[in-house]
């Protein structure tokens, strides 16, 4: 197993027990049995590691829309991962740091929409399209986080339906 994956596994184990803000890099390093120097060779800090960890399953699920995968299918796959890693993600999203997972999630979702829409021929430089992308990225991310933090009571297929129905038309037109 590579160093990055070992650090991610350590972070995952620690997030099962406590909030990301309460985890120290020294704990991650000790749990991984790797050196602090190796940690900093790969990551700036624990938030950078948490974002890298998140990116691994984001890209393999919702991020696939940029490869032509179906929007609803990829979002359902993404929510499957949320169910599987609920405890870990709750503790990661509990962070109040500006570099925390919430900010990264919105950013990577925005970039994914930008790439998807650009590949579909949309002019992503138009002010109304930039605004639509921002609404979809922030709103969708926040609603998924709220779904997670409140116990995932709404069926995920219903959540996907509602998220799609509330997307701005400037984006929705490119999904159909």
Protein backbone atom coordinates (compact mmCIF):
# COMPACT_ATOMS: atom_id res chain seq x y z
CA UNK A 1 0.00 0.00 0.00
CA UNK A 2 1.29 3.44 -0.92
CA UNK A 3 1.99 6.16 1.63
CA UNK A 4 -0.98 8.35 0.64
CA UNK A 5 -3.37 5.45 1.04
CA UNK A 6 -1.86 4.52 4.42
CA UNK A 7 -2.35 8.06 5.67
CA UNK A 8 -5.92 8.05 4.32
CA UNK A 9 -6.63 4.74 6.08
CA UNK A 10 -5.29 6.23 9.31
CA UNK A 11 -7.41 9.32 8.90
CA UNK A 12 -10.46 7.16 8.26
CA UNK A 13 -9.87 5.18 11.46
CA UNK A 14 -9.44 8.37 13.46
CA UNK A 15 -12.55 9.97 11.92
CA UNK A 16 -14.56 7.01 13.17
CA UNK A 17 -13.90 8.35 16.68
CA UNK A 18 -13.62 12.13 16.46
CA UNK A 19 -14.02 15.37 14.54
CA UNK A 20 -11.39 16.32 11.97
CA UNK A 21 -10.55 19.51 13.86
CA UNK A 22 -9.67 17.39 16.92
CA UNK A 23 -7.28 15.08 15.05
CA UNK A 24 -3.59 15.91 15.14
CA UNK A 25 -1.15 15.17 12.32
CA UNK A 26 0.97 13.36 14.90
CA UNK A 27 -1.93 10.93 15.49
CA UNK A 28 -2.28 10.25 11.76
CA UNK A 29 1.46 9.68 11.47
CA UNK A 30 1.57 7.37 14.50
CA UNK A 31 -1.40 5.35 13.30
CA UNK A 32 0.08 4.94 9.83
CA UNK A 33 3.54 3.91 11.11
CA UNK A 34 5.05 6.34 8.61
CA UNK A 35 7.13 9.41 9.31
CA UNK A 36 6.00 13.00 9.71
CA UNK A 37 8.40 13.90 6.91
CA UNK A 38 6.62 11.44 4.61
CA UNK A 39 3.27 12.97 5.58
CA UNK A 40 4.42 16.46 4.64
CA UNK A 41 5.96 15.20 1.42
CA UNK A 42 2.42 14.34 0.29
CA UNK A 43 0.11 16.73 2.16
CA UNK A 44 0.17 20.30 3.44
CA UNK A 45 -1.89 19.44 6.51
CA UNK A 46 -4.69 17.16 7.75
CA UNK A 47 -7.26 19.11 5.73
CA UNK A 48 -5.30 18.51 2.54
CA UNK A 49 -5.28 14.79 3.39
CA UNK A 50 -9.05 14.83 4.10
CA UNK A 51 -9.67 16.54 0.76
CA UNK A 52 -7.49 14.02 -1.08
CA UNK A 53 -9.36 11.18 0.67
CA UNK A 54 -12.71 12.69 -0.38
CA UNK A 55 -11.52 13.26 -3.98
CA UNK A 56 -10.85 9.55 -4.38
CA UNK A 57 -14.49 8.59 -4.09
CA UNK A 58 -15.88 11.81 -5.57
CA UNK A 59 -14.02 11.18 -8.83
CA UNK A 60 -15.11 7.54 -8.94
CA UNK A 61 -18.76 8.49 -8.48
CA UNK A 62 -20.22 11.94 -9.28
CA UNK A 63 -17.04 13.08 -11.02
CA UNK A 64 -17.74 10.54 -13.77
CA UNK A 65 -20.34 12.86 -15.33
CA UNK A 66 -17.45 14.53 -17.14
CA UNK A 67 -16.78 11.18 -18.85
CA UNK A 68 -20.38 10.96 -20.08
CA UNK A 69 -21.82 8.93 -17.20
CA UNK A 70 -25.46 9.54 -16.30
CA UNK A 71 -26.01 12.38 -13.79
CA UNK A 72 -28.59 10.53 -11.70
CA UNK A 73 -26.61 7.26 -11.63
CA UNK A 74 -23.40 8.99 -10.59
CA UNK A 75 -25.16 10.97 -7.88
CA UNK A 76 -26.79 7.79 -6.54
CA UNK A 77 -23.36 6.14 -6.46
CA UNK A 78 -22.02 9.14 -4.59
CA UNK A 79 -24.83 8.89 -2.04
CA UNK A 80 -24.16 5.15 -1.65
CA UNK A 81 -20.66 6.08 -0.51
CA UNK A 82 -22.11 8.65 1.90
CA UNK A 83 -24.25 5.92 3.46
CA UNK A 84 -21.28 3.56 3.70
CA UNK A 85 -18.96 6.20 5.21
CA UNK A 86 -21.58 8.18 7.16
CA UNK A 87 -19.74 8.29 10.50
CA UNK A 88 -16.45 9.25 8.87
CA UNK A 89 -18.00 11.96 6.72
CA UNK A 90 -20.04 13.40 9.60
CA UNK A 91 -16.83 13.91 11.55
CA UNK A 92 -15.05 15.33 8.52
CA UNK A 93 -17.84 17.79 7.71
CA UNK A 94 -18.00 18.88 11.36
CA UNK A 95 -14.79 20.83 10.75
CA UNK A 96 -15.07 24.60 11.00
CA UNK A 97 -11.73 25.24 9.31
CA UNK A 98 -11.75 27.28 6.09
CA UNK A 99 -9.74 24.47 4.47
CA UNK A 100 -12.20 21.84 5.63
CA UNK A 101 -14.08 19.32 3.57
CA UNK A 102 -17.19 21.48 3.03
CA UNK A 103 -15.24 24.13 1.11
CA UNK A 104 -13.37 21.50 -0.87
CA UNK A 105 -16.60 19.65 -1.73
CA UNK A 106 -18.20 22.83 -3.09
CA UNK A 107 -15.06 23.63 -5.08
CA UNK A 108 -14.69 20.20 -6.65
CA UNK A 109 -18.41 20.08 -7.44
CA UNK A 110 -18.14 23.49 -9.13
CA UNK A 111 -15.16 22.35 -11.22
CA UNK A 112 -17.01 19.18 -12.19
CA UNK A 113 -20.06 21.12 -13.36
CA UNK A 114 -17.83 23.56 -15.25
CA UNK A 115 -16.03 20.75 -17.07
CA UNK A 116 -19.26 18.85 -17.77
CA UNK A 117 -21.05 21.91 -19.14
CA UNK A 118 -18.04 23.03 -21.17
CA UNK A 119 -17.83 19.57 -22.78
CA UNK A 120 -21.55 19.79 -23.56
CA UNK A 121 -20.98 23.08 -25.39
CA UNK A 122 -22.19 25.54 -22.76
CA UNK A 123 -20.55 28.94 -22.50
CA UNK A 124 -19.46 28.73 -18.88
CA UNK A 125 -18.09 32.29 -18.98
CA UNK A 126 -21.56 33.87 -19.20
CA UNK A 127 -22.57 35.54 -15.93
CA UNK A 128 -25.88 33.67 -15.71
CA UNK A 129 -24.12 30.32 -16.29
CA UNK A 130 -21.47 31.13 -13.66
CA UNK A 131 -24.30 31.95 -11.24
CA UNK A 132 -26.18 28.74 -12.13
CA UNK A 133 -23.04 26.67 -11.56
CA UNK A 134 -22.48 28.38 -8.22
CA UNK A 135 -26.08 27.75 -7.13
CA UNK A 136 -25.91 24.09 -8.18
CA UNK A 137 -22.53 23.55 -6.50
CA UNK A 138 -23.30 25.28 -3.23
CA UNK A 139 -26.94 24.30 -2.97
CA UNK A 140 -26.51 20.68 -3.95
CA UNK A 141 -23.49 20.20 -1.72
CA UNK A 142 -25.17 21.81 1.27
CA UNK A 143 -28.33 19.74 0.83
CA UNK A 144 -26.34 16.49 0.61
CA UNK A 145 -24.37 17.43 3.73
CA UNK A 146 -27.60 18.27 5.55
CA UNK A 147 -29.07 14.92 4.42
CA UNK A 148 -26.00 13.20 5.88
CA UNK A 149 -25.88 15.14 9.14
CA UNK A 150 -29.60 14.73 9.84
CA UNK A 151 -29.50 10.96 9.56
CA UNK A 152 -30.21 10.33 5.85
CA UNK A 153 -33.95 9.97 6.50
CA UNK A 154 -35.00 10.89 2.97
CA UNK A 155 -34.65 8.06 0.47
CA UNK A 156 -31.61 8.79 -1.68
CA UNK A 157 -33.55 8.31 -4.95
CA UNK A 158 -35.96 10.98 -3.72
CA UNK A 159 -33.04 13.23 -2.82
CA UNK A 160 -31.58 12.81 -6.32
CA UNK A 161 -35.01 13.60 -7.82
CA UNK A 162 -35.36 16.75 -5.70
CA UNK A 163 -31.83 17.93 -6.42
CA UNK A 164 -32.36 17.51 -10.16
CA UNK A 165 -35.73 19.27 -10.06
CA UNK A 166 -34.21 22.28 -8.35
CA UNK A 167 -31.19 22.69 -10.62
CA UNK A 168 -31.16 25.97 -12.53
CA UNK A 169 -32.56 25.56 -16.07
CA UNK A 170 -29.23 26.77 -17.48
CA UNK A 171 -27.74 23.51 -16.18
CA UNK A 172 -30.78 21.25 -16.40
CA UNK A 173 -31.01 21.88 -20.16
CA UNK A 174 -27.63 20.16 -20.58
CA UNK A 175 -28.53 17.13 -18.46
CA UNK A 176 -31.43 15.98 -20.60
